[in-house]
Amino acid sequence: MLAFVPTAGFLLWFCWGVRQDRRQFRNAVLLGLTVLSLSFALLTKVDRLPANLAVVVYSLVFLVPVLATVVLGGFLVVNGLTMIRKEGRSPANLLSGLAGLAIFAVLALVATADYFGGSNAYRSFILAVVLITGYVSFLFLCFLAYAFLYGRIRVRGDVDYVVMLGSGLIGGERVPPLLASRLRAGLRIHQQQVARGGAAPVLLVSGGQGPDEKVPEARAMGRWLVGEGADPALVREEARSRTTAENLRFSRRMMEASDAGDVCVVVTNNFHAFRAAMTARREGVRGQVVGSPTAAYFWPSATLREFVAVFWEHRLVNAALCVLLAALAVAVGMGG
């Protein structure tokens, strides 16, 4: 049973972290460490299992991840082509396709390592690539799994505000489908609270005016809500913000300045919900973040962008760990 002690420890730490504040990236890493330690623990006990169960364990630990990696690479390449066809060739739209190609490049590098050279330096290089890729992949899977779990959380109890985060406008003044999805979800939360007898929450829309926009995003969002039946007296506009952090910071100030209270729910698109929740925590916003639906083809590339942003936010720690992994690869490779 000692093999399962790390798993139990990580699981308890994860549960404690979620109870303290579910909006921390640390929770995602702890969830990944729980699954990883469980896999190692199962491997230590596999010789005691019946043959059929042993095959299942080996498949789950070794075969399934390899096949999943190949399938994921192919899916991302196809999605990248779809993004180019539907959204254009901007760098952001190329991200999923480039990620898929990178997966196949690493697999090819490992598969052909013996053919192209067997020097210690080359082995160190291959090992460094594998270790750093494994580290980044582990973090991405942690992010993906926890973001999925976070997105399953439902709004409990009444809130004072429904805060809806802005995005770009069509023609500089019209609400696009992506933003309409957020507004529709926010209006639904508002209506559900009223329907169950709660006080009508204020609809706080947040978004400034970009250089290519004719009106602030908040104004276009407010008009959309009123056009969909919202009470104009309950619509508030925060029209200065340019980033998600400013969306949440300026919205918090408006809520704190009001006598209506400042318990809120923040609405954005599902791919953005977890990172927005992390930002809300840093900005002192009291409330959870919920996600509205996004077009299926758009979700992979958008999720990758969110992960890159989170990875960059923790760049010092990540850079230090990548350097340590590279140093370990050199020590092992040159020692061989």
C-alpha atoms as a PDB file:
ATOM      1  CA  MET A   1       0.000   0.000   0.000  1.00  0.00           C
ATOM      2  CA  LEU A   2       2.986   2.327   0.389  1.00  0.00           C
ATOM      3  CA  ALA A   3       3.037   2.770  -3.399  1.00  0.00           C
ATOM      4  CA  PHE A   4      -0.308   4.582  -3.174  1.00  0.00           C
ATOM      5  CA  VAL A   5       0.739   7.013  -0.405  1.00  0.00           C
ATOM      6  CA  PRO A   6       1.917   9.724  -2.892  1.00  0.00           C
ATOM      7  CA  THR A   7      -1.371   9.398  -4.770  1.00  0.00           C
ATOM      8  CA  ALA A   8      -3.356   9.852  -1.573  1.00  0.00           C
ATOM      9  CA  GLY A   9      -1.197  12.830  -0.617  1.00  0.00           C
ATOM     10  CA  PHE A  10      -1.631  14.578  -3.968  1.00  0.00           C
ATOM     11  CA  LEU A  11      -5.363  13.839  -3.945  1.00  0.00           C
ATOM     12  CA  LEU A  12      -5.830  15.338  -0.473  1.00  0.00           C
ATOM     13  CA  TRP A  13      -3.761  18.381  -1.455  1.00  0.00           C
ATOM     14  CA  PHE A  14      -5.861  18.771  -4.610  1.00  0.00           C
ATOM     15  CA  CYS A  15      -9.128  18.579  -2.653  1.00  0.00           C
ATOM     16  CA  TRP A  16      -7.848  21.093  -0.107  1.00  0.00           C
ATOM     17  CA  GLY A  17      -6.781  23.453  -2.901  1.00  0.00           C
ATOM     18  CA  VAL A  18     -10.176  23.250  -4.601  1.00  0.00           C
ATOM     19  CA  ARG A  19     -11.915  23.910  -1.298  1.00  0.00           C
ATOM     20  CA  GLN A  20      -9.690  26.932  -0.619  1.00  0.00           C
ATOM     21  CA  ASP A  21     -10.065  28.451  -4.095  1.00  0.00           C
ATOM     22  CA  ARG A  22     -10.906  26.506  -7.217  1.00  0.00           C
ATOM     23  CA  ARG A  23      -9.481  29.269  -9.441  1.00  0.00           C
ATOM     24  CA  GLN A  24      -5.802  28.342  -8.994  1.00  0.00           C
ATOM     25  CA  PHE A  25      -3.605  26.715 -11.652  1.00  0.00           C
ATOM     26  CA  ARG A  26      -1.931  24.795  -8.829  1.00  0.00           C
ATOM     27  CA  ASN A  27      -5.089  22.689  -8.609  1.00  0.00           C
ATOM     28  CA  ALA A  28      -4.643  21.622 -12.231  1.00  0.00           C
ATOM     29  CA  VAL A  29      -1.063  20.512 -11.593  1.00  0.00           C
ATOM     30  CA  LEU A  30      -2.067  18.612  -8.451  1.00  0.00           C
ATOM     31  CA  LEU A  31      -4.781  16.805 -10.402  1.00  0.00           C
ATOM     32  CA  GLY A  32      -2.179  15.760 -12.979  1.00  0.00           C
ATOM     33  CA  LEU A  33       0.269  14.620 -10.286  1.00  0.00           C
ATOM     34  CA  THR A  34      -2.503  12.560  -8.691  1.00  0.00           C
ATOM     35  CA  VAL A  35      -3.159  10.703 -11.945  1.00  0.00           C
ATOM     36  CA  LEU A  36       0.558  10.319 -12.687  1.00  0.00           C
ATOM     37  CA  SER A  37       1.402   8.923  -9.259  1.00  0.00           C
ATOM     38  CA  LEU A  38      -1.569   6.551  -9.487  1.00  0.00           C
ATOM     39  CA  SER A  39      -0.211   5.229 -12.790  1.00  0.00           C
ATOM     40  CA  PHE A  40       3.200   4.536 -11.249  1.00  0.00           C
ATOM     41  CA  ALA A  41       1.576   2.901  -8.226  1.00  0.00           C
ATOM     42  CA  LEU A  42      -0.450   0.585 -10.457  1.00  0.00           C
ATOM     43  CA  LEU A  43       2.703  -0.405 -12.341  1.00  0.00           C
ATOM     44  CA  THR A  44       4.371  -1.507  -9.102  1.00  0.00           C
ATOM     45  CA  LYS A  45       1.448  -3.852  -8.431  1.00  0.00           C
ATOM     46  CA  VAL A  46       0.870  -5.123 -11.944  1.00  0.00           C
ATOM     47  CA  ASP A  47       2.731  -8.404 -11.374  1.00  0.00           C
ATOM     48  CA  ARG A  48       0.129  -9.369  -8.769  1.00  0.00           C
ATOM     49  CA  LEU A  49      -2.807  -8.862 -11.102  1.00  0.00           C
ATOM     50  CA  PRO A  50      -4.452 -11.493 -13.291  1.00  0.00           C
ATOM     51  CA  ALA A  51      -3.062 -11.559 -16.831  1.00  0.00           C
ATOM     52  CA  ASN A  52      -6.082  -9.829 -18.370  1.00  0.00           C
ATOM     53  CA  LEU A  53      -5.993  -6.965 -15.877  1.00  0.00           C
ATOM     54  CA  ALA A  54      -2.226  -6.628 -16.296  1.00  0.00           C
ATOM     55  CA  VAL A  55      -2.700  -6.124 -20.042  1.00  0.00           C
ATOM     56  CA  VAL A  56      -5.304  -3.442 -19.338  1.00  0.00           C
ATOM     57  CA  VAL A  57      -2.959  -1.595 -16.957  1.00  0.00           C
ATOM     58  CA  TYR A  58      -0.019  -1.746 -19.383  1.00  0.00           C
ATOM     59  CA  SER A  59      -2.260  -0.527 -22.197  1.00  0.00           C
ATOM     60  CA  LEU A  60      -3.577   2.390 -20.146  1.00  0.00           C
ATOM     61  CA  VAL A  61      -0.115   3.455 -19.016  1.00  0.00           C
ATOM     62  CA  PHE A  62       1.863   2.916 -22.237  1.00  0.00           C
ATOM     63  CA  LEU A  63      -0.171   2.088 -25.354  1.00  0.00           C
ATOM     64  CA  VAL A  64      -3.104   4.467 -24.954  1.00  0.00           C
ATOM     65  CA  PRO A  65      -0.930   7.590 -24.453  1.00  0.00           C
ATOM     66  CA  VAL A  66       1.116   6.787 -27.582  1.00  0.00           C
ATOM     67  CA  LEU A  67      -1.970   6.235 -29.724  1.00  0.00           C
ATOM     68  CA  ALA A  68      -3.639   9.294 -28.225  1.00  0.00           C
ATOM     69  CA  THR A  69      -0.579  11.390 -29.107  1.00  0.00           C
ATOM     70  CA  VAL A  70      -0.706  10.296 -32.751  1.00  0.00           C
ATOM     71  CA  VAL A  71      -4.462  10.878 -32.955  1.00  0.00           C
ATOM     72  CA  LEU A  72      -4.102  14.283 -31.282  1.00  0.00           C
ATOM     73  CA  GLY A  73      -1.391  15.318 -33.744  1.00  0.00           C
ATOM     74  CA  GLY A  74      -3.563  14.382 -36.698  1.00  0.00           C
ATOM     75  CA  PHE A  75      -6.592  16.114 -35.226  1.00  0.00           C
ATOM     76  CA  LEU A  76      -4.662  19.343 -34.627  1.00  0.00           C
ATOM     77  CA  VAL A  77      -3.292  19.387 -38.180  1.00  0.00           C
ATOM     78  CA  VAL A  78      -6.801  18.937 -39.598  1.00  0.00           C
ATOM     79  CA  ASN A  79      -8.158  21.580 -37.235  1.00  0.00           C
ATOM     80  CA  GLY A  80      -5.400  23.956 -38.319  1.00  0.00           C
ATOM     81  CA  LEU A  81      -6.469  23.592 -41.935  1.00  0.00           C
ATOM     82  CA  THR A  82     -10.085  24.208 -40.901  1.00  0.00           C
ATOM     83  CA  MET A  83      -9.087  27.355 -39.009  1.00  0.00           C
ATOM     84  CA  ILE A  84      -7.228  28.706 -42.044  1.00  0.00           C
ATOM     85  CA  ARG A  85     -10.203  28.025 -44.289  1.00  0.00           C
ATOM     86  CA  LYS A  86     -12.785  29.571 -41.946  1.00  0.00           C
ATOM     87  CA  GLU A  87     -10.834  32.266 -40.076  1.00  0.00           C
ATOM     88  CA  GLY A  88      -7.830  33.190 -42.245  1.00  0.00           C
ATOM     89  CA  ARG A  89      -4.061  32.872 -41.937  1.00  0.00           C
ATOM     90  CA  SER A  90      -3.360  34.974 -38.864  1.00  0.00           C
ATOM     91  CA  PRO A  91      -0.670  33.626 -36.475  1.00  0.00           C
ATOM     92  CA  ALA A  92      -3.304  32.798 -33.860  1.00  0.00           C
ATOM     93  CA  ASN A  93      -5.272  30.698 -36.355  1.00  0.00           C
ATOM     94  CA  LEU A  94      -2.140  28.734 -37.290  1.00  0.00           C
ATOM     95  CA  LEU A  95      -1.511  27.626 -33.717  1.00  0.00           C
ATOM     96  CA  SER A  96      -3.378  24.308 -33.694  1.00  0.00           C
ATOM     97  CA  GLY A  97      -1.879  23.194 -37.018  1.00  0.00           C
ATOM     98  CA  LEU A  98       1.639  24.105 -35.884  1.00  0.00           C
ATOM     99  CA  ALA A  99       1.104  22.216 -32.615  1.00  0.00           C
ATOM    100  CA  GLY A 100       0.065  19.107 -34.559  1.00  0.00           C
ATOM    101  CA  LEU A 101       3.123  19.333 -36.812  1.00  0.00           C
ATOM    102  CA  ALA A 102       5.335  19.783 -33.736  1.00  0.00           C
ATOM    103  CA  ILE A 103       3.954  16.546 -32.256  1.00  0.00           C
ATOM    104  CA  PHE A 104       4.834  14.600 -35.393  1.00  0.00           C
ATOM    105  CA  ALA A 105       8.260  16.283 -35.562  1.00  0.00           C
ATOM    106  CA  VAL A 106       9.122  15.110 -32.040  1.00  0.00           C
ATOM    107  CA  LEU A 107       7.850  11.581 -32.775  1.00  0.00           C
ATOM    108  CA  ALA A 108       9.944  11.469 -35.967  1.00  0.00           C
ATOM    109  CA  LEU A 109      12.986  12.771 -34.107  1.00  0.00           C
ATOM    110  CA  VAL A 110      12.734  10.019 -31.510  1.00  0.00           C
ATOM    111  CA  ALA A 111      11.984   7.275 -34.057  1.00  0.00           C
ATOM    112  CA  THR A 112      15.004   8.156 -36.216  1.00  0.00           C
ATOM    113  CA  ALA A 113      17.452   8.913 -33.386  1.00  0.00           C
ATOM    114  CA  ASP A 114      19.611   5.807 -33.963  1.00  0.00           C
ATOM    115  CA  TYR A 115      19.636   6.278 -37.728  1.00  0.00           C
ATOM    116  CA  PHE A 116      20.907   9.873 -37.736  1.00  0.00           C
ATOM    117  CA  GLY A 117      23.551   9.591 -35.089  1.00  0.00           C
ATOM    118  CA  GLY A 118      24.591   7.926 -31.882  1.00  0.00           C
ATOM    119  CA  SER A 119      26.950  10.459 -30.343  1.00  0.00           C
ATOM    120  CA  ASN A 120      26.544  11.487 -26.717  1.00  0.00           C
ATOM    121  CA  ALA A 121      25.769  15.062 -27.737  1.00  0.00           C
ATOM    122  CA  TYR A 122      23.017  13.952 -30.092  1.00  0.00           C
ATOM    123  CA  ARG A 123      21.540  11.644 -27.441  1.00  0.00           C
ATOM    124  CA  SER A 124      21.560  14.550 -24.992  1.00  0.00           C
ATOM    125  CA  PHE A 125      19.734  16.702 -27.520  1.00  0.00           C
ATOM    126  CA  ILE A 126      17.076  14.043 -28.143  1.00  0.00           C
ATOM    127  CA  LEU A 127      16.592  13.444 -24.437  1.00  0.00           C
ATOM    128  CA  ALA A 128      16.304  17.188 -23.766  1.00  0.00           C
ATOM    129  CA  VAL A 129      13.637  17.535 -26.456  1.00  0.00           C
ATOM    130  CA  VAL A 130      11.708  14.566 -25.055  1.00  0.00           C
ATOM    131  CA  LEU A 131      11.887  15.766 -21.441  1.00  0.00           C
ATOM    132  CA  ILE A 132      10.909  19.359 -22.197  1.00  0.00           C
ATOM    133  CA  THR A 133       8.137  18.244 -24.566  1.00  0.00           C
ATOM    134  CA  GLY A 134       6.891  15.827 -21.920  1.00  0.00           C
ATOM    135  CA  TYR A 135       6.877  18.583 -19.308  1.00  0.00           C
ATOM    136  CA  VAL A 136       4.956  21.022 -21.509  1.00  0.00           C
ATOM    137  CA  SER A 137       2.545  18.258 -22.580  1.00  0.00           C
ATOM    138  CA  PHE A 138       1.945  17.305 -18.946  1.00  0.00           C
ATOM    139  CA  LEU A 139       1.088  20.909 -18.068  1.00  0.00           C
ATOM    140  CA  PHE A 140      -1.205  21.193 -21.075  1.00  0.00           C
ATOM    141  CA  LEU A 141      -3.081  18.022 -20.132  1.00  0.00           C
ATOM    142  CA  CYS A 142      -3.388  19.297 -16.550  1.00  0.00           C
ATOM    143  CA  PHE A 143      -4.753  22.595 -17.865  1.00  0.00           C
ATOM    144  CA  LEU A 144      -7.156  20.852 -20.237  1.00  0.00           C
ATOM    145  CA  ALA A 145      -8.514  18.391 -17.657  1.00  0.00           C
ATOM    146  CA  TYR A 146      -8.976  20.948 -14.905  1.00  0.00           C
ATOM    147  CA  ALA A 147     -10.457  23.540 -17.263  1.00  0.00           C
ATOM    148  CA  PHE A 148     -13.011  20.895 -18.267  1.00  0.00           C
ATOM    149  CA  LEU A 149     -13.844  20.182 -14.617  1.00  0.00           C
ATOM    150  CA  TYR A 150     -14.019  23.886 -13.778  1.00  0.00           C
ATOM    151  CA  GLY A 151     -16.420  24.403 -16.662  1.00  0.00           C
ATOM    152  CA  ARG A 152     -18.820  21.856 -15.132  1.00  0.00           C
ATOM    153  CA  ILE A 153     -19.349  24.029 -12.042  1.00  0.00           C
ATOM    154  CA  ARG A 154     -22.788  25.585 -11.918  1.00  0.00           C
ATOM    155  CA  VAL A 155     -23.837  28.883 -10.354  1.00  0.00           C
ATOM    156  CA  ARG A 156     -25.112  28.347  -6.823  1.00  0.00           C
ATOM    157  CA  GLY A 157     -27.109  30.875  -4.869  1.00  0.00           C
ATOM    158  CA  ASP A 158     -27.945  34.427  -5.814  1.00  0.00           C
ATOM    159  CA  VAL A 159     -25.470  36.945  -7.160  1.00  0.00           C
ATOM    160  CA  ASP A 160     -25.549  40.731  -7.234  1.00  0.00           C
ATOM    161  CA  TYR A 161     -23.981  41.107 -10.675  1.00  0.00           C
ATOM    162  CA  VAL A 162     -23.622  39.175 -13.895  1.00  0.00           C
ATOM    163  CA  VAL A 163     -20.402  40.461 -15.472  1.00  0.00           C
ATOM    164  CA  MET A 164     -19.979  39.815 -19.204  1.00  0.00           C
ATOM    165  CA  LEU A 165     -16.530  40.264 -20.752  1.00  0.00           C
ATOM    166  CA  GLY A 166     -16.247  41.992 -24.110  1.00  0.00           C
ATOM    167  CA  SER A 167     -14.549  41.036 -27.368  1.00  0.00           C
ATOM    168  CA  GLY A 168     -14.144  42.606 -30.802  1.00  0.00           C
ATOM    169  CA  LEU A 169     -17.124  44.003 -32.715  1.00  0.00           C
ATOM    170  CA  ILE A 170     -18.179  43.383 -36.311  1.00  0.00           C
ATOM    171  CA  GLY A 171     -17.885  46.521 -38.429  1.00  0.00           C
ATOM    172  CA  GLY A 172     -16.788  48.362 -35.314  1.00  0.00           C
ATOM    173  CA  GLU A 173     -20.272  48.460 -33.781  1.00  0.00           C
ATOM    174  CA  ARG A 174     -22.144  45.122 -34.046  1.00  0.00           C
ATOM    175  CA  VAL A 175     -21.980  42.169 -31.643  1.00  0.00           C
ATOM    176  CA  PRO A 176     -20.431  39.067 -33.302  1.00  0.00           C
ATOM    177  CA  PRO A 177     -21.657  35.494 -32.622  1.00  0.00           C
ATOM    178  CA  LEU A 178     -18.800  34.780 -30.178  1.00  0.00           C
ATOM    179  CA  LEU A 179     -19.752  37.760 -28.023  1.00  0.00           C
ATOM    180  CA  ALA A 180     -23.473  37.127 -28.450  1.00  0.00           C
ATOM    181  CA  SER A 181     -22.910  33.690 -26.919  1.00  0.00           C
ATOM    182  CA  ARG A 182     -21.538  35.341 -23.767  1.00  0.00           C
ATOM    183  CA  LEU A 183     -24.383  37.851 -23.582  1.00  0.00           C
ATOM    184  CA  ARG A 184     -26.992  35.165 -24.112  1.00  0.00           C
ATOM    185  CA  ALA A 185     -25.518  33.065 -21.301  1.00  0.00           C
ATOM    186  CA  GLY A 186     -25.366  36.080 -18.969  1.00  0.00           C
ATOM    187  CA  LEU A 187     -28.955  37.039 -19.701  1.00  0.00           C
ATOM    188  CA  ARG A 188     -30.032  33.440 -19.053  1.00  0.00           C
ATOM    189  CA  ILE A 189     -28.348  33.460 -15.607  1.00  0.00           C
ATOM    190  CA  HIS A 190     -30.125  36.753 -14.849  1.00  0.00           C
ATOM    191  CA  GLN A 191     -33.510  35.348 -15.885  1.00  0.00           C
ATOM    192  CA  GLN A 192     -33.038  32.102 -13.969  1.00  0.00           C
ATOM    193  CA  GLN A 193     -32.309  33.955 -10.729  1.00  0.00           C
ATOM    194  CA  VAL A 194     -35.408  36.106 -11.151  1.00  0.00           C
ATOM    195  CA  ALA A 195     -37.523  33.050 -12.019  1.00  0.00           C
ATOM    196  CA  ARG A 196     -36.604  31.305  -8.758  1.00  0.00           C
ATOM    197  CA  GLY A 197     -37.565  34.378  -6.729  1.00  0.00           C
ATOM    198  CA  GLY A 198     -34.178  36.012  -6.262  1.00  0.00           C
ATOM    199  CA  ALA A 199     -33.377  39.691  -6.636  1.00  0.00           C
ATOM    200  CA  ALA A 200     -32.694  40.723 -10.222  1.00  0.00           C
ATOM    201  CA  PRO A 201     -28.893  40.976 -10.617  1.00  0.00           C
ATOM    202  CA  VAL A 202     -27.303  43.892 -12.415  1.00  0.00           C
ATOM    203  CA  LEU A 203     -26.049  43.102 -15.928  1.00  0.00           C
ATOM    204  CA  LEU A 204     -22.555  44.596 -16.057  1.00  0.00           C
ATOM    205  CA  VAL A 205     -20.984  44.594 -19.529  1.00  0.00           C
ATOM    206  CA  SER A 206     -17.270  45.288 -19.782  1.00  0.00           C
ATOM    207  CA  GLY A 207     -15.218  46.322 -22.804  1.00  0.00           C
ATOM    208  CA  GLY A 208     -13.518  49.458 -24.058  1.00  0.00           C
ATOM    209  CA  GLN A 209     -13.227  50.919 -27.539  1.00  0.00           C
ATOM    210  CA  GLY A 210     -10.514  49.552 -29.802  1.00  0.00           C
ATOM    211  CA  PRO A 211      -8.779  51.630 -32.477  1.00  0.00           C
ATOM    212  CA  ASP A 212     -10.909  50.029 -35.197  1.00  0.00           C
ATOM    213  CA  GLU A 213     -14.214  50.270 -33.316  1.00  0.00           C
ATOM    214  CA  LYS A 214     -16.829  53.004 -33.670  1.00  0.00           C
ATOM    215  CA  VAL A 215     -18.269  52.541 -30.180  1.00  0.00           C
ATOM    216  CA  PRO A 216     -17.042  50.919 -26.960  1.00  0.00           C
ATOM    217  CA  GLU A 217     -17.743  47.203 -26.788  1.00  0.00           C
ATOM    218  CA  ALA A 218     -19.734  47.748 -23.594  1.00  0.00           C
ATOM    219  CA  ARG A 219     -22.152  50.077 -25.396  1.00  0.00           C
ATOM    220  CA  ALA A 220     -22.782  47.570 -28.188  1.00  0.00           C
ATOM    221  CA  MET A 221     -23.239  44.828 -25.592  1.00  0.00           C
ATOM    222  CA  GLY A 222     -25.685  46.928 -23.592  1.00  0.00           C
ATOM    223  CA  ARG A 223     -27.741  47.663 -26.700  1.00  0.00           C
ATOM    224  CA  TRP A 224     -27.812  43.951 -27.547  1.00  0.00           C
ATOM    225  CA  LEU A 225     -29.098  43.046 -24.063  1.00  0.00           C
ATOM    226  CA  VAL A 226     -31.818  45.692 -24.135  1.00  0.00           C
ATOM    227  CA  GLY A 227     -32.813  44.524 -27.603  1.00  0.00           C
ATOM    228  CA  GLU A 228     -33.194  41.008 -26.182  1.00  0.00           C
ATOM    229  CA  GLY A 229     -35.552  42.211 -23.442  1.00  0.00           C
ATOM    230  CA  ALA A 230     -33.225  43.216 -20.591  1.00  0.00           C
ATOM    231  CA  ASP A 231     -34.386  46.056 -18.330  1.00  0.00           C
ATOM    232  CA  PRO A 232     -32.273  49.112 -19.288  1.00  0.00           C
ATOM    233  CA  ALA A 233     -32.231  50.174 -15.631  1.00  0.00           C
ATOM    234  CA  LEU A 234     -30.326  46.985 -14.754  1.00  0.00           C
ATOM    235  CA  VAL A 235     -27.671  47.323 -17.457  1.00  0.00           C
ATOM    236  CA  ARG A 236     -24.355  48.917 -16.457  1.00  0.00           C
ATOM    237  CA  GLU A 237     -21.475  49.635 -18.831  1.00  0.00           C
ATOM    238  CA  GLU A 238     -17.760  49.547 -18.051  1.00  0.00           C
ATOM    239  CA  ALA A 239     -16.253  51.069 -21.199  1.00  0.00           C
ATOM    240  CA  ARG A 240     -12.569  51.698 -20.365  1.00  0.00           C
ATOM    241  CA  SER A 241     -10.962  48.261 -20.269  1.00  0.00           C
ATOM    242  CA  ARG A 242      -8.672  46.877 -22.973  1.00  0.00           C
ATOM    243  CA  THR A 243      -7.638  43.510 -21.451  1.00  0.00           C
ATOM    244  CA  THR A 244      -9.256  40.750 -19.404  1.00  0.00           C
ATOM    245  CA  ALA A 245      -7.404  41.959 -16.316  1.00  0.00           C
ATOM    246  CA  GLU A 246      -8.788  45.481 -16.826  1.00  0.00           C
ATOM    247  CA  ASN A 247     -12.266  44.064 -17.540  1.00  0.00           C
ATOM    248  CA  LEU A 248     -12.249  42.450 -14.121  1.00  0.00           C
ATOM    249  CA  ARG A 249     -10.389  45.200 -12.253  1.00  0.00           C
ATOM    250  CA  PHE A 250     -12.622  48.048 -13.448  1.00  0.00           C
ATOM    251  CA  SER A 251     -15.767  45.942 -13.031  1.00  0.00           C
ATOM    252  CA  ARG A 252     -14.758  45.146  -9.430  1.00  0.00           C
ATOM    253  CA  ARG A 253     -14.357  48.868  -8.715  1.00  0.00           C
ATOM    254  CA  MET A 254     -17.817  49.592 -10.115  1.00  0.00           C
ATOM    255  CA  MET A 255     -19.332  46.807  -8.015  1.00  0.00           C
ATOM    256  CA  GLU A 256     -17.573  47.950  -4.844  1.00  0.00           C
ATOM    257  CA  ALA A 257     -18.779  51.511  -5.397  1.00  0.00           C
ATOM    258  CA  SER A 258     -22.390  50.357  -5.486  1.00  0.00           C
ATOM    259  CA  ASP A 259     -24.673  49.533  -2.582  1.00  0.00           C
ATOM    260  CA  ALA A 260     -25.946  46.462  -4.424  1.00  0.00           C
ATOM    261  CA  GLY A 261     -23.064  44.268  -3.236  1.00  0.00           C
ATOM    262  CA  ASP A 262     -20.252  42.696  -5.203  1.00  0.00           C
ATOM    263  CA  VAL A 263     -20.902  38.955  -5.353  1.00  0.00           C
ATOM    264  CA  CYS A 264     -20.922  38.131  -9.033  1.00  0.00           C
ATOM    265  CA  VAL A 265     -20.671  35.565 -11.753  1.00  0.00           C
ATOM    266  CA  VAL A 266     -18.413  36.352 -14.705  1.00  0.00           C
ATOM    267  CA  VAL A 267     -19.379  35.142 -18.181  1.00  0.00           C
ATOM    268  CA  THR A 268     -16.956  34.529 -21.031  1.00  0.00           C
ATOM    269  CA  ASN A 269     -16.551  31.782 -23.637  1.00  0.00           C
ATOM    270  CA  ASN A 270     -15.829  28.250 -22.412  1.00  0.00           C
ATOM    271  CA  PHE A 271     -12.260  28.126 -23.744  1.00  0.00           C
ATOM    272  CA  HIS A 272     -11.449  31.292 -21.782  1.00  0.00           C
ATOM    273  CA  ALA A 273     -13.258  30.497 -18.535  1.00  0.00           C
ATOM    274  CA  PHE A 274     -10.443  28.963 -16.475  1.00  0.00           C
ATOM    275  CA  ARG A 275      -7.816  31.572 -17.337  1.00  0.00           C
ATOM    276  CA  ALA A 276     -10.372  34.322 -16.720  1.00  0.00           C
ATOM    277  CA  ALA A 277     -11.054  32.705 -13.340  1.00  0.00           C
ATOM    278  CA  MET A 278      -7.339  32.817 -12.516  1.00  0.00           C
ATOM    279  CA  THR A 279      -7.287  36.499 -13.485  1.00  0.00           C
ATOM    280  CA  ALA A 280     -10.422  37.172 -11.419  1.00  0.00           C
ATOM    281  CA  ARG A 281      -8.688  35.687  -8.391  1.00  0.00           C
ATOM    282  CA  ARG A 282      -5.661  37.940  -8.833  1.00  0.00           C
ATOM    283  CA  GLU A 283      -7.900  40.990  -9.273  1.00  0.00           C
ATOM    284  CA  GLY A 284      -9.884  40.257  -6.112  1.00  0.00           C
ATOM    285  CA  VAL A 285     -13.203  39.578  -7.849  1.00  0.00           C
ATOM    286  CA  ARG A 286     -15.613  37.645  -5.636  1.00  0.00           C
ATOM    287  CA  GLY A 287     -17.264  35.148  -7.913  1.00  0.00           C
ATOM    288  CA  GLN A 288     -16.818  32.237 -10.254  1.00  0.00           C
ATOM    289  CA  VAL A 289     -16.451  32.327 -14.023  1.00  0.00           C
ATOM    290  CA  VAL A 290     -18.736  30.382 -16.348  1.00  0.00           C
ATOM    291  CA  GLY A 291     -18.269  29.672 -20.021  1.00  0.00           C
ATOM    292  CA  SER A 292     -20.665  30.002 -22.921  1.00  0.00           C
ATOM    293  CA  PRO A 293     -20.597  27.692 -25.968  1.00  0.00           C
ATOM    294  CA  THR A 294     -18.029  28.161 -28.739  1.00  0.00           C
ATOM    295  CA  ALA A 295     -17.981  26.779 -32.281  1.00  0.00           C
ATOM    296  CA  ALA A 296     -16.361  23.321 -32.167  1.00  0.00           C
ATOM    297  CA  TYR A 297     -13.762  24.080 -34.847  1.00  0.00           C
ATOM    298  CA  PHE A 298     -12.649  27.230 -33.001  1.00  0.00           C
ATOM    299  CA  TRP A 299     -12.211  25.603 -29.591  1.00  0.00           C
ATOM    300  CA  PRO A 300      -8.873  23.690 -30.040  1.00  0.00           C
ATOM    301  CA  SER A 301      -6.909  26.662 -31.334  1.00  0.00           C
ATOM    302  CA  ALA A 302      -8.447  29.002 -28.771  1.00  0.00           C
ATOM    303  CA  THR A 303      -7.677  26.563 -25.936  1.00  0.00           C
ATOM    304  CA  LEU A 304      -4.050  26.316 -27.066  1.00  0.00           C
ATOM    305  CA  ARG A 305      -3.798  30.105 -27.004  1.00  0.00           C
ATOM    306  CA  GLU A 306      -5.167  30.125 -23.463  1.00  0.00           C
ATOM    307  CA  PHE A 307      -2.587  27.542 -22.382  1.00  0.00           C
ATOM    308  CA  VAL A 308       0.250  29.504 -23.992  1.00  0.00           C
ATOM    309  CA  ALA A 309      -0.909  32.583 -22.091  1.00  0.00           C
ATOM    310  CA  VAL A 310      -0.988  30.684 -18.782  1.00  0.00           C
ATOM    311  CA  PHE A 311       2.422  29.136 -19.519  1.00  0.00           C
ATOM    312  CA  TRP A 312       3.802  32.618 -20.183  1.00  0.00           C
ATOM    313  CA  GLU A 313       2.287  34.010 -16.988  1.00  0.00           C
ATOM    314  CA  HIS A 314       4.416  31.469 -15.082  1.00  0.00           C
ATOM    315  CA  ARG A 315       7.399  31.874 -17.404  1.00  0.00           C
ATOM    316  CA  LEU A 316      10.080  32.171 -14.731  1.00  0.00           C
ATOM    317  CA  VAL A 317       9.161  28.879 -13.066  1.00  0.00           C
ATOM    318  CA  ASN A 318       8.655  27.137 -16.397  1.00  0.00           C
ATOM    319  CA  ALA A 319      11.938  28.439 -17.814  1.00  0.00           C
ATOM    320  CA  ALA A 320      13.816  27.291 -14.716  1.00  0.00           C
ATOM    321  CA  LEU A 321      12.326  23.798 -14.912  1.00  0.00           C
ATOM    322  CA  CYS A 322      13.048  23.525 -18.644  1.00  0.00           C
ATOM    323  CA  VAL A 323      16.688  24.495 -17.997  1.00  0.00           C
ATOM    324  CA  LEU A 324      16.914  21.864 -15.256  1.00  0.00           C
ATOM    325  CA  LEU A 325      15.458  19.225 -17.587  1.00  0.00           C
ATOM    326  CA  ALA A 326      17.929  20.173 -20.312  1.00  0.00           C
ATOM    327  CA  ALA A 327      20.807  19.961 -17.816  1.00  0.00           C
ATOM    328  CA  LEU A 328      19.577  16.552 -16.699  1.00  0.00           C
ATOM    329  CA  ALA A 329      19.450  15.406 -20.324  1.00  0.00           C
ATOM    330  CA  VAL A 330      23.040  16.533 -20.883  1.00  0.00           C
ATOM    331  CA  ALA A 331      24.225  14.793 -17.716  1.00  0.00           C
ATOM    332  CA  VAL A 332      22.504  11.536 -18.651  1.00  0.00           C
ATOM    333  CA  GLY A 333      23.385  11.687 -22.344  1.00  0.00           C
ATOM    334  CA  MET A 334      27.048  12.539 -21.867  1.00  0.00           C
ATOM    335  CA  GLY A 335      27.348  10.046 -19.052  1.00  0.00           C
ATOM    336  CA  GLY A 336      26.139   7.269 -21.353  1.00  0.00           C
END
